[in-house]
Protein backbone atom coordinates (compact mmCIF):
# COMPACT_ATOMS: atom_id res chain seq x y z
CA MET A 1 -28.57 63.11 58.91
CA LEU A 2 -28.31 59.15 57.76
CA HIS A 3 -24.94 59.13 59.05
CA LYS A 4 -25.82 59.93 62.80
CA ILE A 5 -26.63 58.26 65.62
CA LEU A 6 -27.56 60.06 68.64
CA LYS A 7 -25.95 58.78 71.74
CA LEU A 8 -27.77 58.73 74.93
CA GLY A 9 -24.89 58.13 77.06
CA LEU A 10 -24.77 57.65 80.80
CA ALA A 11 -26.26 60.23 82.89
CA PHE A 12 -25.41 60.81 86.49
CA LEU A 13 -28.82 60.62 88.79
CA LEU A 14 -28.02 63.68 90.33
CA ALA A 15 -30.36 66.47 91.31
CA ILE A 16 -28.96 68.71 88.61
CA VAL A 17 -27.25 67.72 85.37
CA PHE A 18 -23.94 69.58 84.65
CA SER A 19 -23.09 71.63 81.53
CA VAL A 20 -19.54 70.57 80.87
CA THR A 21 -17.93 67.09 80.91
CA THR A 22 -14.59 65.16 79.99
CA ASN A 23 -13.71 61.94 79.80
CA PRO A 24 -13.35 60.36 83.15
CA GLY A 25 -9.78 61.41 84.70
CA LYS A 26 -8.28 63.48 81.65
CA LEU A 27 -5.98 66.20 83.17
CA ALA A 28 -6.55 69.68 82.05
CA ASN A 29 -4.07 72.31 80.72
CA ALA A 30 -2.80 74.03 83.79
CA GLN A 31 -3.60 77.41 81.87
CA THR A 32 -7.37 76.70 81.58
CA ILE A 33 -9.06 79.03 83.88
CA ALA A 34 -12.23 78.52 86.09
CA GLU A 35 -14.50 81.80 86.60
CA ILE A 36 -17.35 81.18 89.42
CA ASN A 37 -20.38 81.32 87.67
CA THR A 38 -22.76 81.59 90.64
CA PRO A 39 -23.30 83.82 93.72
CA VAL A 40 -21.94 81.50 96.22
CA LEU A 41 -20.44 77.93 95.41
CA ASN A 42 -19.61 74.80 97.23
CA VAL A 43 -16.36 73.27 96.96
CA ARG A 44 -16.52 69.30 97.44
CA GLU A 45 -13.48 67.39 98.66
CA GLY A 46 -14.21 65.17 95.83
CA PRO A 47 -15.94 64.83 92.39
CA GLY A 48 -19.83 64.61 93.74
CA LEU A 49 -22.30 65.95 95.60
CA SER A 50 -22.09 63.22 98.38
CA TYR A 51 -18.61 64.68 99.14
CA GLY A 52 -17.90 67.00 102.14
CA ARG A 53 -17.75 70.90 101.91
CA ALA A 54 -14.11 71.75 101.72
CA ALA A 55 -14.75 75.70 101.12
CA GLN A 56 -16.92 78.16 99.34
CA VAL A 57 -16.15 80.40 96.46
CA LYS A 58 -17.78 83.34 95.17
CA GLN A 59 -18.78 84.89 91.56
CA GLY A 60 -16.29 86.17 89.65
CA GLU A 61 -13.18 84.53 91.49
CA LYS A 62 -11.19 82.60 89.12
CA PHE A 63 -8.98 79.54 89.74
CA THR A 64 -6.93 77.10 87.59
CA ILE A 65 -8.30 73.65 86.68
CA ILE A 66 -5.82 70.93 87.31
CA GLU A 67 -8.23 67.75 86.79
CA ARG A 68 -11.22 66.78 85.56
CA LYS A 69 -13.73 63.74 86.40
CA ASN A 70 -16.92 63.09 84.74
CA GLU A 71 -19.01 66.37 85.27
CA TRP A 72 -16.81 67.96 87.92
CA VAL A 73 -13.38 69.81 87.68
CA LYS A 74 -10.67 70.10 90.68
CA LEU A 75 -9.41 73.48 91.40
CA GLN A 76 -6.40 75.02 92.89
CA LEU A 77 -7.69 77.40 95.37
CA SER A 78 -5.79 80.33 96.54
CA SER A 79 -5.19 78.97 99.85
CA GLY A 80 -3.32 76.29 98.38
CA LYS A 81 -5.82 73.71 98.98
CA THR A 82 -7.76 72.07 96.29
CA GLY A 83 -11.42 71.02 95.80
CA TRP A 84 -14.07 70.14 93.10
CA VAL A 85 -16.88 71.56 91.91
CA ALA A 86 -19.31 70.95 89.26
CA SER A 87 -18.54 72.00 85.88
CA TRP A 88 -21.77 73.47 84.80
CA LEU A 89 -21.49 76.58 87.67
CA ILE A 90 -18.40 77.61 86.11
CA LYS A 91 -16.93 79.47 82.88
CA GLU A 92 -14.24 78.45 81.35
CA ASN A 93 -11.80 80.69 79.71
CA HIS A 94 -10.57 79.36 76.43
CA SER A 95 -8.86 81.63 73.51
CA THR A 96 -8.51 79.62 70.12
CA GLN A 97 -5.90 81.98 68.71
CA THR A 98 -3.00 84.05 71.17
CA PRO A 99 -0.18 86.32 69.85
CA THR A 100 2.48 84.57 68.65
CA THR A 101 4.90 85.75 71.85
CA SER A 102 3.66 86.06 75.27
CA SER A 103 3.09 89.83 75.07
CA SER A 104 0.08 91.36 76.01
CA THR A 105 0.39 94.35 73.87
CA VAL A 106 -0.35 94.31 70.42
CA VAL A 107 0.26 96.76 67.30
CA SER A 108 -1.69 98.04 64.36
CA THR A 109 -0.13 97.35 61.01
CA VAL A 110 -2.21 99.98 58.73
CA ASP A 111 -3.57 103.28 59.32
CA GLY A 112 -7.38 103.69 59.98
CA LEU A 113 -7.69 100.07 61.51
CA ARG A 114 -11.16 100.04 63.14
CA PHE A 115 -11.68 99.70 66.56
CA ARG A 116 -15.40 97.89 67.33
CA SER A 117 -17.93 97.03 69.72
CA GLY A 118 -17.81 93.54 68.56
CA PRO A 119 -16.14 90.72 66.56
CA GLY A 120 -17.83 91.78 63.23
CA THR A 121 -18.30 94.24 60.59
CA SER A 122 -22.09 94.99 61.90
CA PHE A 123 -20.78 95.85 65.29
CA GLN A 124 -20.54 99.94 65.76
CA VAL A 125 -17.10 101.58 65.34
CA ILE A 126 -16.04 103.00 68.63
CA GLY A 127 -12.33 104.24 67.47
CA SER A 128 -9.56 103.44 65.34
CA LEU A 129 -5.95 102.68 65.52
CA ASN A 130 -2.73 103.99 62.93
CA LYS A 131 -0.18 102.04 61.88
CA GLY A 132 2.21 101.43 64.73
CA ASN A 133 -0.46 102.27 67.32
CA GLU A 134 -0.24 99.99 70.42
CA ALA A 135 -3.34 98.40 72.75
CA GLY A 136 -3.60 95.83 75.13
CA TYR A 137 -4.45 92.10 74.17
CA ILE A 138 -7.26 90.27 75.69
CA GLU A 139 -8.21 87.39 73.57
CA ALA A 140 -9.05 86.42 70.06
CA ASN A 141 -11.08 84.34 67.75
CA GLU A 142 -9.89 83.25 64.23
CA ASN A 143 -10.74 86.58 62.42
CA TRP A 144 -11.15 89.03 65.26
CA THR A 145 -8.73 90.02 68.48
CA LYS A 146 -9.87 91.62 71.55
CA ILE A 147 -8.11 94.55 72.78
CA SER A 148 -8.16 97.35 75.29
CA LEU A 149 -7.68 100.51 74.03
CA ASN A 150 -7.71 104.04 76.00
CA GLY A 151 -9.81 102.02 78.63
CA HIS A 152 -12.22 100.80 76.37
CA ILE A 153 -12.64 97.28 75.26
CA GLY A 154 -13.54 96.33 71.83
CA TRP A 155 -12.21 94.08 68.68
CA VAL A 156 -10.36 94.85 65.55
CA ALA A 157 -9.71 92.72 62.46
CA SER A 158 -6.75 90.06 63.47
CA GLN A 159 -5.02 90.63 60.07
CA PHE A 160 -4.09 93.81 60.35
CA ILE A 161 -1.95 93.46 63.99
CA MET A 162 0.92 92.19 65.21
CA ALA A 163 2.38 90.89 68.44
CA LYS A 164 4.54 93.10 70.41
CA GLN A 165 7.86 91.24 71.90
CA THR A 166 9.12 92.31 75.32
CA SER A 167 12.18 93.49 73.12
CA GLY A 168 10.22 96.17 71.27
CA SER A 169 10.13 94.41 68.07
CA THR A 170 7.12 92.85 66.64
CA ASN A 171 6.00 89.61 65.11
CA SER A 172 3.03 89.38 62.23
CA ASN A 173 0.06 87.66 63.25
CA PRO A 174 0.23 84.26 61.52
CA SER A 175 -3.40 84.40 60.32
CA SER A 176 -2.39 87.92 58.56
CA ASN A 177 -2.07 88.44 55.09
CA SER A 178 -0.95 92.01 55.65
CA GLY A 179 2.65 91.77 55.30
CA SER A 180 4.32 95.29 54.79
CA SER A 181 4.98 94.30 51.04
CA LYS A 182 2.13 93.99 48.89
CA LYS A 183 1.35 93.86 45.51
CA THR A 184 -0.98 96.04 43.58
CA GLY A 185 -2.46 95.51 40.06
CA THR A 186 -4.94 97.09 37.47
CA ILE A 187 -8.23 95.80 36.23
CA THR A 188 -8.39 94.78 32.47
CA ALA A 189 -11.74 93.68 32.11
CA SER A 190 -14.67 95.85 31.45
CA ILE A 191 -16.18 94.35 34.76
CA LEU A 192 -14.85 91.75 36.68
CA ASN A 193 -16.67 89.30 39.20
CA VAL A 194 -15.35 89.41 42.47
CA ARG A 195 -15.71 85.97 44.64
CA ASP A 196 -15.90 85.15 47.89
CA GLN A 197 -13.52 81.60 46.84
CA PRO A 198 -10.64 81.12 44.47
CA ASN A 199 -12.91 79.40 42.20
CA LEU A 200 -15.53 79.79 39.72
CA GLN A 201 -17.87 78.26 42.22
CA GLY A 202 -17.37 80.93 45.06
CA ARG A 203 -20.22 83.30 45.23
CA ILE A 204 -20.15 86.70 43.71
CA VAL A 205 -19.64 89.35 46.52
CA GLY A 206 -19.26 92.36 44.22
CA LYS A 207 -17.98 93.65 40.87
CA LEU A 208 -14.83 95.77 39.91
CA LYS A 209 -14.49 98.14 37.09
CA GLN A 210 -11.69 98.36 34.11
CA ASN A 211 -9.02 100.24 35.28
CA ALA A 212 -9.84 99.85 39.14
CA ASN A 213 -6.51 99.36 41.24
CA VAL A 214 -6.53 96.43 43.69
CA THR A 215 -4.18 95.63 46.43
CA ILE A 216 -3.00 91.71 46.22
CA THR A 217 -2.46 89.79 49.70
CA ASN A 218 -2.20 86.39 48.59
CA GLU A 219 -1.81 83.99 45.35
CA ARG A 220 -3.71 80.78 44.82
CA GLU A 221 -3.10 79.22 41.15
CA ASN A 222 -4.63 81.24 38.80
CA TRP A 223 -6.59 83.36 41.73
CA LEU A 224 -5.48 86.72 43.35
CA GLU A 225 -7.03 87.82 46.97
CA ILE A 226 -7.57 91.42 47.03
CA VAL A 227 -8.44 93.70 49.92
CA PHE A 228 -12.36 94.28 48.98
CA GLY A 229 -13.92 96.79 51.36
CA ASN A 230 -13.23 95.78 54.91
CA SER A 231 -12.71 92.07 54.04
CA SER A 232 -11.14 90.35 51.63
CA ALA A 233 -12.18 88.62 48.05
CA TRP A 234 -10.88 86.83 45.02
CA ILE A 235 -10.36 87.71 41.52
CA HIS A 236 -8.72 85.67 38.27
CA ARG A 237 -5.48 87.01 37.72
CA ASP A 238 -6.10 86.81 33.91
CA PHE A 239 -7.74 90.05 34.25
CA VAL A 240 -5.26 91.84 36.35
CA ALA A 241 -2.28 93.94 34.63
CA GLY A 242 0.57 95.78 35.95
CA ILE A 243 1.25 93.48 38.99
CA SER A 244 3.71 95.40 41.00
CA SER A 245 5.42 95.13 44.39
CA THR A 246 4.44 98.16 46.68
CA GLU A 247 5.18 99.13 50.19
CA GLU A 248 2.21 101.05 50.62
CA LYS A 249 -0.95 100.50 52.68
CA PRO A 250 -4.28 98.93 51.74
CA SER A 251 -6.30 101.24 49.40
CA ARG A 252 -8.61 103.30 51.39
CA PRO A 253 -12.48 102.85 50.91
CA ALA A 254 -13.96 105.25 48.65
CA THR A 255 -15.20 108.75 50.21
CA PRO A 256 -18.21 110.32 49.27
CA PRO A 257 -17.79 114.24 48.14
CA GLN A 258 -16.90 116.67 50.79
CA SER A 259 -18.99 119.90 51.16
CA PRO A 260 -17.47 123.00 50.16
CA THR A 261 -16.42 123.59 53.71
CA ASN A 262 -12.55 123.50 53.75
CA LEU A 263 -11.51 121.74 57.22
CA GLY A 264 -7.82 122.73 56.73
CA LYS A 265 -6.57 119.42 55.51
CA ILE A 266 -3.00 118.50 54.32
CA GLY A 267 -1.41 115.34 52.66
CA ILE A 268 1.95 114.03 53.05
CA VAL A 269 2.94 111.76 50.01
CA THR A 270 3.98 108.37 51.01
CA ALA A 271 4.67 106.83 47.57
CA SER A 272 8.51 107.41 46.32
CA SER A 273 7.05 109.37 43.27
CA LEU A 274 3.30 110.16 42.99
CA ASN A 275 1.73 111.49 39.76
CA VAL A 276 -0.41 114.48 39.49
CA ARG A 277 -3.21 114.23 37.05
CA ASP A 278 -5.77 116.45 35.31
CA SER A 279 -8.88 114.50 36.30
CA GLY A 280 -9.79 112.17 39.37
CA SER A 281 -8.79 108.99 37.90
CA LEU A 282 -6.20 106.73 36.07
CA SER A 283 -7.27 107.63 32.97
CA GLY A 284 -6.33 111.67 33.59
CA LYS A 285 -3.54 113.00 31.80
CA ILE A 286 -0.35 113.23 33.77
CA VAL A 287 0.53 117.35 34.59
CA GLY A 288 3.17 116.64 37.14
CA SER A 289 4.67 114.73 39.87
CA LEU A 290 5.44 114.50 43.55
CA LYS A 291 8.18 113.08 45.68
CA GLN A 292 7.82 111.29 48.92
CA GLY A 293 7.65 113.58 51.88
CA ASN A 294 6.18 116.38 49.88
CA LYS A 295 3.26 118.38 51.57
CA VAL A 296 -0.10 119.41 49.52
CA THR A 297 -2.97 121.06 50.25
CA ILE A 298 -6.40 119.14 50.12
CA GLU A 299 -9.11 121.09 48.44
CA GLU A 300 -11.41 118.39 47.53
CA GLU A 301 -11.85 114.60 47.83
CA VAL A 302 -14.23 112.26 45.46
CA ASN A 303 -14.15 108.68 45.14
CA ASN A 304 -10.43 107.95 46.69
CA TRP A 305 -8.98 110.82 44.64
CA SER A 306 -7.94 114.59 46.38
CA ARG A 307 -7.76 117.80 44.45
CA ILE A 308 -4.78 119.45 45.58
CA ALA A 309 -2.80 122.87 45.29
CA LEU A 310 0.46 122.71 44.62
CA SER A 311 3.39 125.28 45.61
CA ASN A 312 3.34 127.18 42.24
CA GLY A 313 -0.62 127.52 42.35
CA ALA A 314 -1.21 124.65 39.92
CA ARG A 315 -3.92 122.32 40.84
CA GLY A 316 -4.44 118.54 39.85
CA TRP A 317 -5.83 115.33 41.58
CA VAL A 318 -3.37 112.47 43.24
CA ALA A 319 -4.92 109.01 44.39
CA SER A 320 -5.93 109.43 48.13
CA TRP A 321 -4.24 106.08 49.44
CA TYR A 322 -1.04 107.64 48.64
CA LEU A 323 -1.39 110.43 50.82
CA ASP A 324 -0.96 110.46 54.87
CA ILE A 325 -3.76 112.84 55.43
CA GLN A 326 -3.68 115.15 58.40
CA LEU A 327 -5.58 118.20 59.56
CA ASP A 328 -3.44 121.24 58.83
CA THR A 329 -2.20 122.41 62.48
CA SER A 330 -2.19 125.95 61.48
CA THR A 331 -6.13 125.67 61.56
CA GLU A 332 -7.85 125.60 64.95
CA ALA A 333 -6.87 122.00 65.85
CA PRO A 334 -7.24 120.78 69.28
CA SER A 335 -4.85 121.91 71.94
CA SER A 336 -3.02 119.58 74.32
CA GLY A 337 -5.19 118.55 77.27
CA GLN A 338 -8.35 119.25 75.59
CA THR A 339 -11.19 116.62 75.11
CA THR A 340 -11.17 115.83 71.62
CA VAL A 341 -13.55 114.35 69.24
CA LYS A 342 -12.17 112.01 66.40
CA ILE A 343 -14.07 111.03 63.09
CA LEU A 344 -14.82 107.47 62.62
CA TYR A 345 -16.29 107.88 58.95
CA ASN A 346 -15.42 109.30 55.73
CA GLY A 347 -18.16 112.02 54.70
CA THR A 348 -19.54 112.59 58.30
CA ASN A 349 -22.08 115.33 58.62
CA ILE A 350 -21.66 118.26 60.71
CA ARG A 351 -24.90 119.84 61.47
CA SER A 352 -25.95 123.18 63.19
CA GLY A 353 -27.46 121.66 66.29
CA SER A 354 -27.99 118.32 68.11
CA SER A 355 -30.39 116.32 65.59
CA THR A 356 -30.42 114.91 62.32
CA SER A 357 -33.07 117.49 61.66
CA HIS A 358 -30.61 120.50 61.64
CA SER A 359 -28.94 121.49 58.54
CA VAL A 360 -25.41 120.57 57.28
CA VAL A 361 -22.78 122.84 58.05
CA ALA A 362 -19.65 121.06 57.19
CA ARG A 363 -18.17 117.26 56.30
CA ALA A 364 -15.44 115.67 57.77
CA ASN A 365 -13.26 112.62 57.14
CA GLU A 366 -12.06 109.51 59.10
CA GLY A 367 -9.32 110.63 61.15
CA ASP A 368 -10.34 114.42 61.26
CA SER A 369 -10.14 115.46 65.13
CA PHE A 370 -11.93 118.61 66.78
CA ALA A 371 -11.64 120.10 70.45
CA MET A 372 -14.96 119.19 72.22
CA ALA A 373 -17.15 122.30 73.76
CA ALA A 374 -19.78 120.44 75.28
CA LYS A 375 -21.79 117.06 75.18
CA GLU A 376 -25.71 117.72 74.59
CA GLY A 377 -27.47 114.09 74.60
CA ASP A 378 -25.85 111.54 72.57
CA TRP A 379 -24.39 114.85 70.32
CA TYR A 380 -21.46 116.52 70.87
CA LYS A 381 -20.72 120.08 70.29
CA ILE A 382 -17.15 120.74 68.23
CA ASN A 383 -14.93 123.54 67.52
CA LEU A 384 -14.48 124.18 63.91
CA PRO A 385 -11.83 126.21 62.23
CA GLY A 386 -12.65 129.88 61.80
CA ASN A 387 -14.25 130.29 65.49
CA LYS A 388 -17.26 128.28 64.08
CA SER A 389 -19.07 125.39 65.80
CA GLY A 390 -21.07 122.22 64.99
CA TYR A 391 -22.43 119.21 66.26
CA VAL A 392 -21.87 115.60 65.32
CA ALA A 393 -23.59 112.23 66.72
CA GLY A 394 -21.70 110.29 69.20
CA TRP A 395 -22.01 107.24 67.66
CA LEU A 396 -20.05 108.47 64.64
CA VAL A 397 -16.98 109.59 66.60
CA SER A 398 -14.27 108.52 69.37
CA VAL A 399 -13.49 110.79 72.08
CA ASN A 400 -10.24 110.55 74.06
CA GLY A 401 -10.43 110.44 77.96
CA ALA A 402 -12.78 108.55 80.21
CA GLN A 403 -16.16 109.60 78.18
CA ASN A 404 -18.49 106.74 77.61
CA ILE A 405 -19.31 105.39 74.08
CA VAL A 406 -22.26 106.30 72.52
CA GLU A 407 -23.97 103.57 71.21
CA ARG A 408 -26.46 103.72 68.62
CA PRO A 409 -29.07 100.80 68.61
CA GLY A 410 -28.76 97.97 66.31
CA VAL A 411 -29.39 94.54 66.42
CA ASN A 412 -27.70 94.18 69.43
CA GLN A 413 -30.59 95.51 71.29
CA TYR A 414 -32.77 92.62 70.56
CA LEU A 415 -30.20 90.47 71.86
CA LYS A 416 -29.04 91.88 75.09
CA GLY A 417 -30.17 90.36 78.23
CA LYS A 418 -31.33 87.20 76.33
CA THR A 419 -30.15 83.74 77.67
CA ILE A 420 -28.93 81.64 74.58
CA VAL A 421 -27.65 78.36 74.99
CA ILE A 422 -25.03 77.23 72.35
CA ASP A 423 -24.51 73.75 71.73
CA PRO A 424 -21.59 72.48 69.86
CA GLY A 425 -22.53 69.00 68.68
CA HIS A 426 -20.50 66.02 69.54
CA GLY A 427 -16.99 65.97 71.60
CA GLY A 428 -14.77 63.82 72.90
CA ASN A 429 -14.84 60.52 71.91
CA ASP A 430 -17.51 61.17 69.76
CA SER A 431 -16.14 62.90 66.27
CA GLY A 432 -19.67 63.29 64.85
CA ALA A 433 -19.42 62.95 60.73
CA ILE A 434 -15.76 63.01 59.10
CA GLY A 435 -15.24 64.85 56.09
CA VAL A 436 -13.94 63.68 52.44
CA SER A 437 -10.87 64.90 53.42
CA GLY A 438 -10.68 64.20 56.96
CA SER A 439 -12.45 67.04 58.83
CA TYR A 440 -13.81 66.22 61.98
CA GLU A 441 -17.59 67.26 62.55
CA LYS A 442 -16.96 67.94 66.21
CA ASN A 443 -13.87 70.53 65.44
CA LEU A 444 -16.03 72.20 63.13
CA ASN A 445 -18.92 72.50 65.32
CA LEU A 446 -16.67 74.02 68.17
CA ARG A 447 -15.25 76.42 65.79
CA THR A 448 -18.38 77.69 64.56
CA ALA A 449 -20.11 78.12 68.00
CA ARG A 450 -16.99 80.17 69.52
CA MET A 451 -17.47 83.00 67.03
CA VAL A 452 -21.39 82.81 67.33
CA VAL A 453 -20.58 83.18 71.38
CA ASP A 454 -18.47 86.35 70.85
CA LYS A 455 -20.75 88.08 68.72
CA LEU A 456 -23.56 87.29 71.08
CA ASN A 457 -21.60 88.41 74.09
CA ALA A 458 -20.55 91.59 72.63
CA SER A 459 -24.04 92.16 72.16
CA GLY A 460 -25.11 91.94 75.73
CA ALA A 461 -26.52 88.34 75.64
CA ASN A 462 -26.08 86.00 78.59
CA VAL A 463 -24.70 83.02 76.59
CA VAL A 464 -23.88 79.44 77.99
CA MET A 465 -22.15 77.01 76.05
CA THR A 466 -22.74 73.22 76.79
CA ARG A 467 -19.06 72.52 75.78
CA ASN A 468 -16.08 75.05 75.15
CA SER A 469 -13.32 72.24 74.69
CA ASP A 470 -12.98 68.99 72.97
CA ASN A 471 -15.29 67.03 75.68
CA TYR A 472 -18.12 64.49 75.35
CA ILE A 473 -21.45 65.72 76.97
CA SER A 474 -24.42 63.43 77.15
CA LEU A 475 -27.88 64.57 75.17
CA ARG A 476 -29.60 64.83 78.72
CA SER A 477 -26.91 66.98 79.99
CA ARG A 478 -27.00 69.26 77.04
CA VAL A 479 -30.98 69.68 77.30
CA SER A 480 -30.72 69.97 81.21
CA ILE A 481 -28.60 73.18 80.62
CA SER A 482 -31.02 74.46 78.93
CA HIS A 483 -33.89 73.83 81.42
CA TYR A 484 -31.60 74.70 84.30
CA ARG A 485 -30.66 78.44 82.53
CA ASN A 486 -34.40 79.02 81.69
CA ALA A 487 -33.13 79.60 78.02
CA ASP A 488 -34.77 81.86 75.62
CA ALA A 489 -33.02 79.90 72.85
CA PHE A 490 -31.37 76.78 72.60
CA ILE A 491 -29.15 76.55 69.46
CA SER A 492 -27.33 72.92 68.52
CA ILE A 493 -24.35 73.34 66.20
CA HIS A 494 -23.73 70.78 63.40
CA TYR A 495 -22.35 69.79 60.07
CA ASP A 496 -23.67 67.16 57.79
CA SER A 497 -22.70 63.92 55.98
CA ILE A 498 -24.61 61.45 53.87
CA PHE A 499 -23.30 58.93 50.85
CA ASP A 500 -24.16 61.16 48.24
CA ARG A 501 -21.29 63.90 47.82
CA ASN A 502 -23.57 65.84 45.54
CA VAL A 503 -25.69 66.88 48.30
CA ARG A 504 -25.24 70.07 49.68
CA GLY A 505 -26.69 72.81 51.58
CA VAL A 506 -27.73 74.20 54.75
CA THR A 507 -30.97 72.98 56.90
CA SER A 508 -32.69 74.09 59.91
CA TYR A 509 -34.33 71.48 62.23
CA TYR A 510 -37.11 72.16 64.71
CA TYR A 511 -39.25 69.99 66.99
CA LYS A 512 -42.18 71.61 68.22
CA ASN A 513 -44.37 74.15 66.56
CA ILE A 514 -43.50 77.22 68.81
CA ASP A 515 -39.82 76.72 67.23
CA VAL A 516 -40.60 77.41 63.61
CA GLY A 517 -40.04 80.92 64.20
CA LEU A 518 -36.62 80.69 65.53
CA ALA A 519 -35.42 77.94 62.87
CA SER A 520 -37.13 80.12 59.92
CA ASN A 521 -35.26 83.29 61.13
CA ILE A 522 -32.16 81.29 61.65
CA GLN A 523 -32.71 79.54 57.87
CA SER A 524 -33.22 82.56 56.27
CA GLU A 525 -30.14 84.40 57.73
CA LEU A 526 -27.76 81.19 56.74
CA VAL A 527 -28.54 81.26 53.29
CA LYS A 528 -28.34 84.81 52.99
CA ASN A 529 -24.94 84.81 54.53
CA THR A 530 -23.13 81.94 53.40
CA GLY A 531 -24.65 81.51 49.88
CA PHE A 532 -25.46 77.87 50.40
CA LYS A 533 -28.30 75.92 48.93
CA ASP A 534 -31.27 76.36 51.00
CA ARG A 535 -32.59 73.27 52.31
CA GLN A 536 -35.38 74.88 54.25
CA HIS A 537 -36.16 74.56 57.70
CA ARG A 538 -37.90 71.27 58.57
CA GLN A 539 -38.90 69.22 61.53
CA GLY A 540 -36.41 66.67 63.06
CA ASN A 541 -37.17 64.77 65.67
CA TYR A 542 -33.62 64.83 67.75
CA GLN A 543 -33.52 64.54 71.57
CA VAL A 544 -32.21 67.83 72.16
CA LEU A 545 -35.16 69.36 70.76
CA ARG A 546 -37.77 66.57 71.32
CA GLU A 547 -37.06 66.97 75.31
CA ASN A 548 -36.16 70.60 75.03
CA ARG A 549 -38.92 72.59 76.94
CA ASN A 550 -37.50 76.05 75.49
CA PRO A 551 -37.39 77.54 72.09
CA SER A 552 -34.53 75.20 70.26
CA VAL A 553 -33.40 74.41 66.81
CA LEU A 554 -30.53 72.13 65.40
CA LEU A 555 -28.38 73.24 62.33
CA GLU A 556 -26.60 71.36 59.94
CA LEU A 557 -24.39 74.06 58.29
CA GLY A 558 -23.32 72.09 55.05
CA PHE A 559 -22.00 68.67 54.19
CA ILE A 560 -18.73 68.04 54.90
CA SER A 561 -19.37 64.53 52.82
CA ASN A 562 -19.25 67.17 49.65
CA PRO A 563 -15.59 67.96 48.89
CA THR A 564 -16.25 71.45 47.72
CA GLU A 565 -18.86 72.22 50.80
CA GLU A 566 -15.75 70.71 53.08
CA TYR A 567 -13.10 72.72 51.94
CA THR A 568 -15.34 76.00 52.09
CA VAL A 569 -16.76 75.41 55.60
CA ASN A 570 -12.99 74.95 56.85
CA THR A 571 -12.30 78.61 55.25
CA ASN A 572 -12.18 81.58 58.06
CA ASN A 573 -13.92 83.53 55.55
CA PHE A 574 -17.19 81.04 55.75
CA GLN A 575 -16.79 80.67 59.46
CA GLU A 576 -17.23 84.44 59.83
CA ASN A 577 -20.37 84.53 57.33
CA VAL A 578 -22.03 81.51 59.21
CA SER A 579 -21.70 82.90 62.35
CA ASN A 580 -23.03 86.15 61.21
CA GLY A 581 -25.96 84.16 60.17
CA ILE A 582 -26.58 82.52 63.40
CA TYR A 583 -26.32 85.68 65.18
CA TYR A 584 -28.71 87.87 62.78
CA GLY A 585 -31.06 85.24 62.53
CA LEU A 586 -31.08 85.30 66.48
CA ALA A 587 -31.86 88.79 66.34
CA GLN A 588 -34.80 88.69 63.68
CA TYR A 589 -36.20 86.02 65.87
CA PHE A 590 -36.28 88.23 68.90
CA LYS A 591 -37.13 91.31 67.31
CA GLY A 592 -40.13 90.04 66.07
CA LYS A 593 -41.08 88.49 69.45
């Protein structure tokens, strides 16, 4: 932190210092909305406690911000009047990304798009969308979009949705790589490293075997971006052969073997021509072919391949990602008006009773639907083909109608109800460090903070940001917010810089001994999730830590004076990973308390 001079600034000598400030007199965007964040709030005639009371507003009411001055904001009241309130007693509604049109509706561009309880793959799947399904748009961050679907609020990966225009047509999300036209290729190396960045310095996130098929979403010099699991990754193009265009949807994840129970599934061929092989792999001998629109009966699914029965009685194997898999309507599918249970994961166990101790009577795959017979605790009793019944865990399915979502406790249970102050360092005329390619630290701090806040909010934490726009805030004000909110944890987010361009890594600073646990837990998760060099958790004499009575840490999330790290921290993938690290670190800290 050799580059930084921590500014004391001028703080107003008020009874309480406020949490969100801007440069004096700066006009606010008319679209910025203030939500009242205290039971009753006095609206004053001017920007200070010495001004008379003009009105009162209540918690949850929303007003447009029309002007800012120091630590006060001017509101346009519903009565037509205006007035000033302390900015620390409101919550500003900002979104870092909006749909490409004025539409409030988004459309899924793929089948099986998972609808989660929060913005991240660690959050529970609570439903799914197929290609063309619509949902209500609420807000978005860099990687995830918050939507309303079937009466429930949740998040989907932004790269797989489009904004619906009022005319009924759709525009691709600009952050998406999921255009309808993609390329596919086949791995030629015996084992190929899959990396998180398009260079040999990228962290290895997995491996692919020879003859594996990949869907290519982007190209950069000698590197190919591919669909890998529920995310994207990079491989070197020298080890990929047979690259060709396709209109197919992204490959589905590998499916575990089904039980012998046949749930009556059929597949409709989506490719113009589909080879039928004598075994479930690309090395299998071609024994026939199918055309687009052909229907086949699926007898078994193993590792993303389907064994099918042809109309002439012959059997063979086809790639599952070229089939639109459905339940056979000739079986006991749910009738119209019935409450239905939709399976969210491949290989889901259907049991003989409402607990995991009961025997498995069948297995179902993602997208299978069944009529619900009853609900017993967190389990659903469902009707199976052949006048049979079974039970499925509520956290493995979505249910139509107004049924409450059954959530299986995860790391979110340790964060629920905790008051956490997220402090994006610097802001306004204080840019913080400036990277070798011109990145402003203050902007990176805010990017990361917003993604962390979205994850924490989705877990039920009470989250307060010291700033949620490009505003300067005094260090004393940041500490005062922590004290006023009685924070369970205060997290100050920064990026580092030094004269030596070779220095790299992440560091977590603490000041008091009682903060060591918070710093060590977050540092461990940061290293695990980002793959950056571990610079340890260490003591740091910073004002936001030294004067803070509550558990507090200051994080340095990479060196923007290092060209490689500056490039990396600016990527969406890193921002997702580093926000996960902070999120999991907080969860581990509270779990141990």
